[in-house]
Amino acid sequence: RDAGVTLIVAINKIDKDNADPEKAKQELAKHEVIPESWGGDVLMNEISAITGDGIDRLLESVVLQAELLDLKAPVDGRASGVVVEARLDKGRGAVATVLIQKGTLHKGDILLAGREFGRVRALTDDQGRPSRQAGPSEAIEIQGLGGVPNSGDEAIGFVAVIDEGFC
């Protein structure tokens, strides 16, 4: 609320026998988060992360709000985002999953992620397929960093420029 952004709430664990989504809504209402069904302005979706119930409705709510608010991220320019997770993989070295927030990251770009940097050797999409680039709202797995960044680190991409005349 303090940030002045539109809220979408996912009430999880509705698959449990003692699930009480109305109680959760009442608790949120105490913090001035009023559901649309009660005359407020907050979309609330009941979901189960285990069974997958309600996930489609949640995604539809996000898409609907994005369309209504005409939310768009710049595709052109230097990529920036945030490290979601990172690990040291035995055969691939440092591997980081980055959520691109604006711009486009290309294979071969230089990436600075927190205190780590390196040339992007490989990009892998969320389906495990190799990719040549990633744009806004894409989570992409990156190989090529010199070390393992921390989750939450800011990531910034730079286009690699090679000067053929300089040796």
C-alpha atoms as a PDB file:
ATOM      1  CA  ARG A   1       0.000   0.000   0.000  1.00  0.00           C
ATOM      2  CA  ASP A   2       2.780   2.438   0.878  1.00  0.00           C
ATOM      3  CA  ALA A   3       4.369   1.921  -2.539  1.00  0.00           C
ATOM      4  CA  GLY A   4       1.128   2.929  -4.247  1.00  0.00           C
ATOM      5  CA  VAL A   5       1.039  -0.119  -6.526  1.00  0.00           C
ATOM      6  CA  THR A   6      -1.843  -2.374  -7.506  1.00  0.00           C
ATOM      7  CA  LEU A   7      -2.073  -5.478  -5.333  1.00  0.00           C
ATOM      8  CA  ILE A   8      -2.995  -9.019  -6.325  1.00  0.00           C
ATOM      9  CA  VAL A   9      -3.190 -11.501  -3.445  1.00  0.00           C
ATOM     10  CA  ALA A  10      -2.833 -15.285  -3.712  1.00  0.00           C
ATOM     11  CA  ILE A  11      -4.320 -17.110  -0.731  1.00  0.00           C
ATOM     12  CA  ASN A  12      -2.443 -20.409  -0.690  1.00  0.00           C
ATOM     13  CA  LYS A  13      -3.076 -23.837   0.889  1.00  0.00           C
ATOM     14  CA  ILE A  14      -6.782 -24.015   0.021  1.00  0.00           C
ATOM     15  CA  ASP A  15      -6.321 -27.782  -0.447  1.00  0.00           C
ATOM     16  CA  LYS A  16      -5.970 -28.297   3.315  1.00  0.00           C
ATOM     17  CA  ASP A  17      -8.983 -29.561   5.285  1.00  0.00           C
ATOM     18  CA  ASN A  18      -8.850 -26.652   7.741  1.00  0.00           C
ATOM     19  CA  ALA A  19      -8.363 -23.985   5.050  1.00  0.00           C
ATOM     20  CA  ASP A  20     -10.368 -20.834   5.728  1.00  0.00           C
ATOM     21  CA  PRO A  21      -9.836 -18.244   2.984  1.00  0.00           C
ATOM     22  CA  GLU A  22     -12.412 -15.924   4.550  1.00  0.00           C
ATOM     23  CA  LYS A  23     -10.315 -15.722   7.718  1.00  0.00           C
ATOM     24  CA  ALA A  24      -7.288 -14.750   5.624  1.00  0.00           C
ATOM     25  CA  LYS A  25      -9.357 -12.041   3.899  1.00  0.00           C
ATOM     26  CA  GLN A  26     -10.507 -10.718   7.290  1.00  0.00           C
ATOM     27  CA  GLU A  27      -6.901 -10.548   8.495  1.00  0.00           C
ATOM     28  CA  LEU A  28      -5.887  -8.659   5.353  1.00  0.00           C
ATOM     29  CA  ALA A  29      -8.842  -6.300   5.743  1.00  0.00           C
ATOM     30  CA  LYS A  30      -7.424  -5.259   9.121  1.00  0.00           C
ATOM     31  CA  HIS A  31      -4.454  -3.889   7.131  1.00  0.00           C
ATOM     32  CA  GLU A  32      -6.708  -2.046   4.667  1.00  0.00           C
ATOM     33  CA  VAL A  33      -6.323  -4.708   1.972  1.00  0.00           C
ATOM     34  CA  ILE A  34      -9.980  -5.084   0.960  1.00  0.00           C
ATOM     35  CA  PRO A  35     -10.959  -7.781  -1.585  1.00  0.00           C
ATOM     36  CA  GLU A  36     -12.872  -6.788  -4.711  1.00  0.00           C
ATOM     37  CA  SER A  37     -15.681  -9.146  -3.676  1.00  0.00           C
ATOM     38  CA  TRP A  38     -16.162  -6.970  -0.568  1.00  0.00           C
ATOM     39  CA  GLY A  39     -16.180  -3.723  -2.562  1.00  0.00           C
ATOM     40  CA  GLY A  40     -12.433  -3.094  -2.344  1.00  0.00           C
ATOM     41  CA  ASP A  41      -9.820  -2.795  -5.056  1.00  0.00           C
ATOM     42  CA  VAL A  42      -7.637  -5.872  -4.434  1.00  0.00           C
ATOM     43  CA  LEU A  43      -7.932  -8.997  -6.573  1.00  0.00           C
ATOM     44  CA  MET A  44      -7.722 -12.096  -4.375  1.00  0.00           C
ATOM     45  CA  ASN A  45      -7.250 -15.593  -5.716  1.00  0.00           C
ATOM     46  CA  GLU A  46      -7.493 -18.815  -3.767  1.00  0.00           C
ATOM     47  CA  ILE A  47      -4.790 -21.248  -4.887  1.00  0.00           C
ATOM     48  CA  SER A  48      -3.078 -24.494  -3.999  1.00  0.00           C
ATOM     49  CA  ALA A  49       0.582 -24.721  -4.876  1.00  0.00           C
ATOM     50  CA  ILE A  50       0.476 -28.493  -4.416  1.00  0.00           C
ATOM     51  CA  THR A  51      -2.581 -29.372  -6.545  1.00  0.00           C
ATOM     52  CA  GLY A  52      -2.347 -26.371  -8.879  1.00  0.00           C
ATOM     53  CA  ASP A  53      -5.952 -25.314  -8.202  1.00  0.00           C
ATOM     54  CA  GLY A  54      -6.513 -21.622  -8.907  1.00  0.00           C
ATOM     55  CA  ILE A  55      -3.132 -21.004 -10.557  1.00  0.00           C
ATOM     56  CA  ASP A  56      -4.760 -20.354 -13.951  1.00  0.00           C
ATOM     57  CA  ARG A  57      -7.145 -17.807 -12.387  1.00  0.00           C
ATOM     58  CA  LEU A  58      -4.203 -16.118 -10.635  1.00  0.00           C
ATOM     59  CA  LEU A  59      -2.276 -15.824 -13.894  1.00  0.00           C
ATOM     60  CA  GLU A  60      -5.392 -14.463 -15.634  1.00  0.00           C
ATOM     61  CA  SER A  61      -5.689 -11.834 -12.878  1.00  0.00           C
ATOM     62  CA  VAL A  62      -2.088 -10.753 -13.400  1.00  0.00           C
ATOM     63  CA  VAL A  63      -2.536 -10.515 -17.180  1.00  0.00           C
ATOM     64  CA  LEU A  64      -5.816  -8.607 -16.762  1.00  0.00           C
ATOM     65  CA  GLN A  65      -4.247  -6.064 -14.404  1.00  0.00           C
ATOM     66  CA  ALA A  66      -1.229  -5.651 -16.701  1.00  0.00           C
ATOM     67  CA  GLU A  67      -3.563  -4.932 -19.627  1.00  0.00           C
ATOM     68  CA  LEU A  68      -5.766  -2.537 -17.659  1.00  0.00           C
ATOM     69  CA  LEU A  69      -2.779  -0.613 -16.334  1.00  0.00           C
ATOM     70  CA  ASP A  70      -0.999  -0.808 -19.709  1.00  0.00           C
ATOM     71  CA  LEU A  71       2.166  -2.122 -18.051  1.00  0.00           C
ATOM     72  CA  LYS A  72       5.109  -2.402 -20.403  1.00  0.00           C
ATOM     73  CA  ALA A  73       8.814  -2.730 -19.799  1.00  0.00           C
ATOM     74  CA  PRO A  74      11.394  -1.297 -22.196  1.00  0.00           C
ATOM     75  CA  VAL A  75      12.773  -4.026 -24.442  1.00  0.00           C
ATOM     76  CA  ASP A  76      15.559  -2.006 -26.043  1.00  0.00           C
ATOM     77  CA  GLY A  77      18.771  -1.123 -24.272  1.00  0.00           C
ATOM     78  CA  ARG A  78      20.943  -2.622 -21.601  1.00  0.00           C
ATOM     79  CA  ALA A  79      19.403  -5.512 -19.659  1.00  0.00           C
ATOM     80  CA  SER A  80      18.844  -5.230 -15.947  1.00  0.00           C
ATOM     81  CA  GLY A  81      17.204  -7.536 -13.479  1.00  0.00           C
ATOM     82  CA  VAL A  82      17.634  -9.404 -10.243  1.00  0.00           C
ATOM     83  CA  VAL A  83      19.267 -12.716  -9.325  1.00  0.00           C
ATOM     84  CA  VAL A  84      16.565 -15.137  -8.175  1.00  0.00           C
ATOM     85  CA  GLU A  85      18.897 -18.002  -7.293  1.00  0.00           C
ATOM     86  CA  ALA A  86      22.446 -19.089  -8.000  1.00  0.00           C
ATOM     87  CA  ARG A  87      24.583 -22.152  -7.461  1.00  0.00           C
ATOM     88  CA  LEU A  88      27.885 -23.759  -8.387  1.00  0.00           C
ATOM     89  CA  ASP A  89      27.194 -26.597 -10.830  1.00  0.00           C
ATOM     90  CA  LYS A  90      29.844 -29.296 -11.143  1.00  0.00           C
ATOM     91  CA  GLY A  91      29.983 -29.384 -14.949  1.00  0.00           C
ATOM     92  CA  ARG A  92      28.830 -25.857 -15.801  1.00  0.00           C
ATOM     93  CA  GLY A  93      30.428 -23.602 -13.191  1.00  0.00           C
ATOM     94  CA  ALA A  94      28.515 -20.699 -11.664  1.00  0.00           C
ATOM     95  CA  VAL A  95      24.869 -20.799 -12.765  1.00  0.00           C
ATOM     96  CA  ALA A  96      22.479 -17.955 -11.924  1.00  0.00           C
ATOM     97  CA  THR A  97      18.781 -17.571 -12.614  1.00  0.00           C
ATOM     98  CA  VAL A  98      18.064 -13.920 -13.370  1.00  0.00           C
ATOM     99  CA  LEU A  99      14.653 -12.291 -13.766  1.00  0.00           C
ATOM    100  CA  ILE A 100      15.092  -9.694 -16.515  1.00  0.00           C
ATOM    101  CA  GLN A 101      13.140  -6.536 -15.648  1.00  0.00           C
ATOM    102  CA  LYS A 102      14.048  -4.278 -18.557  1.00  0.00           C
ATOM    103  CA  GLY A 103      16.160  -4.384 -21.676  1.00  0.00           C
ATOM    104  CA  THR A 104      17.377  -7.510 -23.473  1.00  0.00           C
ATOM    105  CA  LEU A 105      20.252  -9.779 -22.466  1.00  0.00           C
ATOM    106  CA  HIS A 106      22.054 -11.565 -25.310  1.00  0.00           C
ATOM    107  CA  LYS A 107      24.420 -14.506 -25.369  1.00  0.00           C
ATOM    108  CA  GLY A 108      27.936 -12.993 -25.408  1.00  0.00           C
ATOM    109  CA  ASP A 109      27.025  -9.897 -23.346  1.00  0.00           C
ATOM    110  CA  ILE A 110      29.002  -9.051 -20.227  1.00  0.00           C
ATOM    111  CA  LEU A 111      26.929  -9.473 -17.034  1.00  0.00           C
ATOM    112  CA  LEU A 112      27.599  -7.876 -13.666  1.00  0.00           C
ATOM    113  CA  ALA A 113      25.613  -9.640 -10.927  1.00  0.00           C
ATOM    114  CA  GLY A 114      26.323  -8.273  -7.487  1.00  0.00           C
ATOM    115  CA  ARG A 115      30.092  -8.674  -7.036  1.00  0.00           C
ATOM    116  CA  GLU A 116      30.449 -11.268  -9.796  1.00  0.00           C
ATOM    117  CA  PHE A 117      30.873 -10.697 -13.521  1.00  0.00           C
ATOM    118  CA  GLY A 118      31.563 -12.597 -16.717  1.00  0.00           C
ATOM    119  CA  ARG A 119      30.619 -13.098 -20.345  1.00  0.00           C
ATOM    120  CA  VAL A 120      27.269 -14.855 -20.853  1.00  0.00           C
ATOM    121  CA  ARG A 121      28.333 -18.204 -22.364  1.00  0.00           C
ATOM    122  CA  ALA A 122      24.900 -19.822 -22.341  1.00  0.00           C
ATOM    123  CA  LEU A 123      21.280 -18.846 -21.706  1.00  0.00           C
ATOM    124  CA  THR A 124      18.647 -21.446 -20.806  1.00  0.00           C
ATOM    125  CA  ASP A 125      14.910 -20.650 -20.631  1.00  0.00           C
ATOM    126  CA  ASP A 126      12.450 -21.903 -18.015  1.00  0.00           C
ATOM    127  CA  GLN A 127      11.763 -25.032 -20.116  1.00  0.00           C
ATOM    128  CA  GLY A 128      15.464 -25.983 -20.194  1.00  0.00           C
ATOM    129  CA  ARG A 129      15.899 -24.966 -23.846  1.00  0.00           C
ATOM    130  CA  PRO A 130      18.928 -22.971 -25.023  1.00  0.00           C
ATOM    131  CA  SER A 131      18.163 -19.353 -25.871  1.00  0.00           C
ATOM    132  CA  ARG A 132      20.045 -16.567 -27.629  1.00  0.00           C
ATOM    133  CA  GLN A 133      18.396 -13.691 -25.727  1.00  0.00           C
ATOM    134  CA  ALA A 134      16.021 -12.848 -22.876  1.00  0.00           C
ATOM    135  CA  GLY A 135      13.739  -9.842 -22.509  1.00  0.00           C
ATOM    136  CA  PRO A 136      11.615  -8.265 -19.773  1.00  0.00           C
ATOM    137  CA  SER A 137       9.691 -10.597 -17.435  1.00  0.00           C
ATOM    138  CA  GLU A 138      11.746 -13.618 -18.503  1.00  0.00           C
ATOM    139  CA  ALA A 139      13.548 -15.760 -15.958  1.00  0.00           C
ATOM    140  CA  ILE A 140      16.696 -17.030 -17.628  1.00  0.00           C
ATOM    141  CA  GLU A 141      19.474 -19.318 -16.404  1.00  0.00           C
ATOM    142  CA  ILE A 142      22.893 -17.858 -17.133  1.00  0.00           C
ATOM    143  CA  GLN A 143      26.309 -19.500 -17.342  1.00  0.00           C
ATOM    144  CA  GLY A 144      29.603 -17.644 -17.544  1.00  0.00           C
ATOM    145  CA  LEU A 145      29.946 -15.705 -14.301  1.00  0.00           C
ATOM    146  CA  GLY A 146      33.258 -15.887 -12.478  1.00  0.00           C
ATOM    147  CA  GLY A 147      31.594 -16.803  -9.189  1.00  0.00           C
ATOM    148  CA  VAL A 148      28.235 -17.403  -7.572  1.00  0.00           C
ATOM    149  CA  PRO A 149      26.232 -14.198  -6.911  1.00  0.00           C
ATOM    150  CA  ASN A 150      23.812 -13.864  -4.008  1.00  0.00           C
ATOM    151  CA  SER A 151      20.061 -14.135  -4.393  1.00  0.00           C
ATOM    152  CA  GLY A 152      18.601 -10.645  -4.636  1.00  0.00           C
ATOM    153  CA  ASP A 153      21.720  -9.137  -6.237  1.00  0.00           C
ATOM    154  CA  GLU A 154      21.123  -6.632  -9.015  1.00  0.00           C
ATOM    155  CA  ALA A 155      22.204  -7.853 -12.458  1.00  0.00           C
ATOM    156  CA  ILE A 156      23.224  -5.504 -15.270  1.00  0.00           C
ATOM    157  CA  GLY A 157      24.170  -6.552 -18.791  1.00  0.00           C
ATOM    158  CA  PHE A 158      26.621  -4.741 -21.040  1.00  0.00           C
ATOM    159  CA  VAL A 159      26.960  -5.301 -24.767  1.00  0.00           C
ATOM    160  CA  ALA A 160      30.353  -6.798 -25.490  1.00  0.00           C
ATOM    161  CA  VAL A 161      32.288  -4.686 -27.990  1.00  0.00           C
ATOM    162  CA  ILE A 162      35.319  -6.260 -29.625  1.00  0.00           C
ATOM    163  CA  ASP A 163      37.786  -3.931 -31.333  1.00  0.00           C
ATOM    164  CA  GLU A 164      39.353  -5.942 -34.175  1.00  0.00           C
ATOM    165  CA  GLY A 165      42.249  -3.456 -34.541  1.00  0.00           C
ATOM    166  CA  PHE A 166      43.325  -3.675 -30.890  1.00  0.00           C
ATOM    167  CA  CYS A 167      45.511  -6.613 -29.883  1.00  0.00           C
END
